[in-house]
Amino acid sequence: MRLVLIGNGVAEVDISRSKPGRGAYLCPKKSCWELALRKNRLDYALRTKLHDDNRQVLFEYSHDLLEES
């Protein structure tokens, strides 16, 4: 799944995978998202510092993803 930086410290899921801007890819598993958000790996990949409210939105999005089997 692609995430794209749309502003200073704001990232969103790019479902179409065609939005302009710096992007990062994450596997569609909940554990990947939680690790990337908790360890600031997404911040590193996007070369920014995500805002806390944006990080919370991405955490909530990850709750709908599948768990690893």
N, C-alpha and C. Protein backbone atom coordinates (compact mmCIF):
# COMPACT_ATOMS: atom_id res chain seq x y z
N MET A 1 0.84 -1.16 0.00
CA MET A 1 0.00 0.00 0.00
C MET A 1 0.89 1.23 0.00
N ARG A 2 0.50 2.23 -0.80
CA ARG A 2 1.31 3.44 -0.91
C ARG A 2 0.74 4.55 -0.03
N LEU A 3 1.64 5.22 0.67
CA LEU A 3 1.29 6.42 1.40
C LEU A 3 2.06 7.56 0.75
N VAL A 4 1.44 8.72 0.71
CA VAL A 4 2.07 9.86 0.06
C VAL A 4 2.04 11.06 1.00
N LEU A 5 3.12 11.81 0.97
CA LEU A 5 3.22 13.04 1.76
C LEU A 5 2.50 14.14 1.00
N ILE A 6 1.44 14.68 1.58
CA ILE A 6 0.65 15.71 0.89
C ILE A 6 0.92 17.11 1.43
N GLY A 7 1.59 17.19 2.52
CA GLY A 7 1.91 18.48 3.11
C GLY A 7 2.98 18.30 4.16
N ASN A 8 3.33 19.36 4.81
CA ASN A 8 4.37 19.31 5.82
C ASN A 8 3.88 18.51 7.03
N GLY A 9 4.31 17.27 7.12
CA GLY A 9 3.94 16.44 8.25
C GLY A 9 2.60 15.75 8.12
N VAL A 10 2.02 15.74 6.91
CA VAL A 10 0.73 15.10 6.69
C VAL A 10 0.85 14.08 5.56
N ALA A 11 0.47 12.84 5.88
CA ALA A 11 0.52 11.76 4.89
C ALA A 11 -0.86 11.13 4.81
N GLU A 12 -1.16 10.57 3.64
CA GLU A 12 -2.43 9.87 3.48
C GLU A 12 -2.21 8.64 2.60
N VAL A 13 -3.16 7.73 2.67
CA VAL A 13 -3.12 6.52 1.86
C VAL A 13 -3.45 6.90 0.42
N ASP A 14 -2.62 6.45 -0.50
CA ASP A 14 -2.81 6.73 -1.93
C ASP A 14 -3.33 5.46 -2.60
N ILE A 15 -4.64 5.30 -2.59
CA ILE A 15 -5.25 4.09 -3.14
C ILE A 15 -4.99 3.97 -4.64
N SER A 16 -5.01 5.09 -5.35
CA SER A 16 -4.80 5.05 -6.80
C SER A 16 -3.33 4.86 -7.17
N ARG A 17 -2.45 5.04 -6.21
CA ARG A 17 -0.99 4.94 -6.42
C ARG A 17 -0.50 5.88 -7.51
N SER A 18 -1.14 7.05 -7.63
CA SER A 18 -0.74 7.98 -8.68
C SER A 18 -0.64 9.43 -8.22
N LYS A 19 -0.85 9.68 -6.92
CA LYS A 19 -0.75 11.04 -6.42
C LYS A 19 0.70 11.50 -6.45
N PRO A 20 0.91 12.77 -6.77
CA PRO A 20 2.29 13.29 -6.78
C PRO A 20 2.81 13.49 -5.36
N GLY A 21 4.10 13.42 -5.23
CA GLY A 21 4.72 13.66 -3.94
C GLY A 21 5.54 12.48 -3.48
N ARG A 22 6.29 12.69 -2.42
CA ARG A 22 7.12 11.64 -1.86
C ARG A 22 6.22 10.54 -1.32
N GLY A 23 6.54 9.32 -1.69
CA GLY A 23 5.73 8.19 -1.26
C GLY A 23 6.53 7.14 -0.52
N ALA A 24 5.81 6.29 0.16
CA ALA A 24 6.40 5.16 0.87
C ALA A 24 5.42 4.01 0.78
N TYR A 25 5.94 2.80 0.76
CA TYR A 25 5.09 1.62 0.65
C TYR A 25 5.13 0.82 1.94
N LEU A 26 3.96 0.32 2.33
CA LEU A 26 3.84 -0.56 3.48
C LEU A 26 3.03 -1.78 3.07
N CYS A 27 3.36 -2.92 3.65
CA CYS A 27 2.57 -4.11 3.37
C CYS A 27 1.18 -3.92 3.99
N PRO A 28 0.17 -4.61 3.48
CA PRO A 28 -1.20 -4.40 3.97
C PRO A 28 -1.54 -5.17 5.24
N LYS A 29 -0.57 -5.36 6.11
CA LYS A 29 -0.79 -6.06 7.37
C LYS A 29 -0.74 -5.07 8.52
N LYS A 30 -1.60 -5.28 9.47
CA LYS A 30 -1.71 -4.39 10.62
C LYS A 30 -0.37 -4.25 11.37
N SER A 31 0.34 -5.35 11.52
CA SER A 31 1.60 -5.31 12.27
C SER A 31 2.65 -4.45 11.57
N CYS A 32 2.68 -4.45 10.25
CA CYS A 32 3.62 -3.60 9.50
C CYS A 32 3.34 -2.13 9.76
N TRP A 33 2.08 -1.77 9.74
CA TRP A 33 1.69 -0.37 9.95
C TRP A 33 2.02 0.06 11.37
N GLU A 34 1.71 -0.78 12.34
CA GLU A 34 1.98 -0.41 13.73
C GLU A 34 3.46 -0.23 13.97
N LEU A 35 4.27 -1.10 13.42
CA LEU A 35 5.72 -0.99 13.56
C LEU A 35 6.24 0.28 12.89
N ALA A 36 5.76 0.55 11.69
CA ALA A 36 6.22 1.73 10.95
C ALA A 36 5.83 3.03 11.66
N LEU A 37 4.66 3.05 12.26
CA LEU A 37 4.21 4.27 12.94
C LEU A 37 4.82 4.42 14.32
N ARG A 38 5.01 3.34 15.04
CA ARG A 38 5.56 3.43 16.40
C ARG A 38 7.06 3.69 16.40
N LYS A 39 7.78 3.12 15.45
CA LYS A 39 9.23 3.25 15.41
C LYS A 39 9.69 4.42 14.53
N ASN A 40 8.73 5.25 14.08
CA ASN A 40 9.03 6.41 13.24
C ASN A 40 9.68 6.04 11.91
N ARG A 41 9.49 4.84 11.47
CA ARG A 41 10.06 4.42 10.18
C ARG A 41 9.36 5.11 9.02
N LEU A 42 8.08 5.37 9.18
CA LEU A 42 7.36 6.08 8.14
C LEU A 42 7.85 7.52 8.04
N ASP A 43 8.14 8.14 9.16
CA ASP A 43 8.72 9.48 9.17
C ASP A 43 10.03 9.49 8.38
N TYR A 44 10.85 8.50 8.61
CA TYR A 44 12.15 8.40 7.94
C TYR A 44 11.95 8.22 6.43
N ALA A 45 11.06 7.32 6.04
CA ALA A 45 10.84 7.04 4.62
C ALA A 45 10.28 8.26 3.89
N LEU A 46 9.43 9.01 4.54
CA LEU A 46 8.83 10.19 3.92
C LEU A 46 9.65 11.46 4.13
N ARG A 47 10.71 11.34 4.91
CA ARG A 47 11.61 12.45 5.21
C ARG A 47 10.87 13.64 5.81
N THR A 48 10.07 13.35 6.82
CA THR A 48 9.32 14.38 7.52
C THR A 48 9.02 13.91 8.93
N LYS A 49 8.42 14.75 9.71
CA LYS A 49 7.93 14.40 11.05
C LYS A 49 6.42 14.47 10.98
N LEU A 50 5.75 13.31 11.09
CA LEU A 50 4.30 13.27 11.02
C LEU A 50 3.69 13.95 12.23
N HIS A 51 2.61 14.69 12.00
CA HIS A 51 1.87 15.31 13.10
C HIS A 51 1.17 14.22 13.89
N ASP A 52 0.99 14.45 15.17
CA ASP A 52 0.36 13.45 16.05
C ASP A 52 -1.06 13.10 15.60
N ASP A 53 -1.84 14.11 15.16
CA ASP A 53 -3.20 13.82 14.72
C ASP A 53 -3.21 13.02 13.42
N ASN A 54 -2.25 13.26 12.54
CA ASN A 54 -2.15 12.48 11.31
C ASN A 54 -1.71 11.05 11.62
N ARG A 55 -0.80 10.90 12.56
CA ARG A 55 -0.35 9.57 12.98
C ARG A 55 -1.53 8.77 13.54
N GLN A 56 -2.40 9.44 14.30
CA GLN A 56 -3.57 8.79 14.88
C GLN A 56 -4.54 8.34 13.78
N VAL A 57 -4.73 9.15 12.76
CA VAL A 57 -5.59 8.78 11.64
C VAL A 57 -5.05 7.53 10.94
N LEU A 58 -3.75 7.48 10.75
CA LEU A 58 -3.15 6.31 10.10
C LEU A 58 -3.25 5.07 10.99
N PHE A 59 -3.10 5.24 12.31
CA PHE A 59 -3.30 4.12 13.24
C PHE A 59 -4.71 3.58 13.13
N GLU A 60 -5.69 4.48 13.08
CA GLU A 60 -7.08 4.06 12.96
C GLU A 60 -7.33 3.33 11.64
N TYR A 61 -6.69 3.79 10.57
CA TYR A 61 -6.81 3.11 9.28
C TYR A 61 -6.25 1.69 9.38
N SER A 62 -5.17 1.53 10.12
CA SER A 62 -4.54 0.21 10.24
C SER A 62 -5.40 -0.79 11.00
N HIS A 63 -6.33 -0.32 11.81
CA HIS A 63 -7.20 -1.24 12.56
C HIS A 63 -8.10 -2.05 11.64
N ASP A 64 -8.36 -1.54 10.43
CA ASP A 64 -9.19 -2.26 9.48
C ASP A 64 -8.41 -3.27 8.64
N LEU A 65 -7.11 -3.30 8.80
CA LEU A 65 -6.27 -4.21 8.01
C LEU A 65 -6.23 -5.58 8.65
N LEU A 66 -5.85 -6.57 7.86
CA LEU A 66 -5.79 -7.96 8.33
C LEU A 66 -4.60 -8.19 9.24
N GLU A 67 -4.78 -9.09 10.18
CA GLU A 67 -3.69 -9.56 11.02
C GLU A 67 -2.92 -10.62 10.26
N GLU A 68 -1.68 -10.78 10.61
CA GLU A 68 -0.88 -11.86 10.01
C GLU A 68 -1.38 -13.20 10.52
N SER A 69 -1.32 -14.19 9.66
CA SER A 69 -1.76 -15.52 10.10
C SER A 69 -0.60 -16.41 10.40
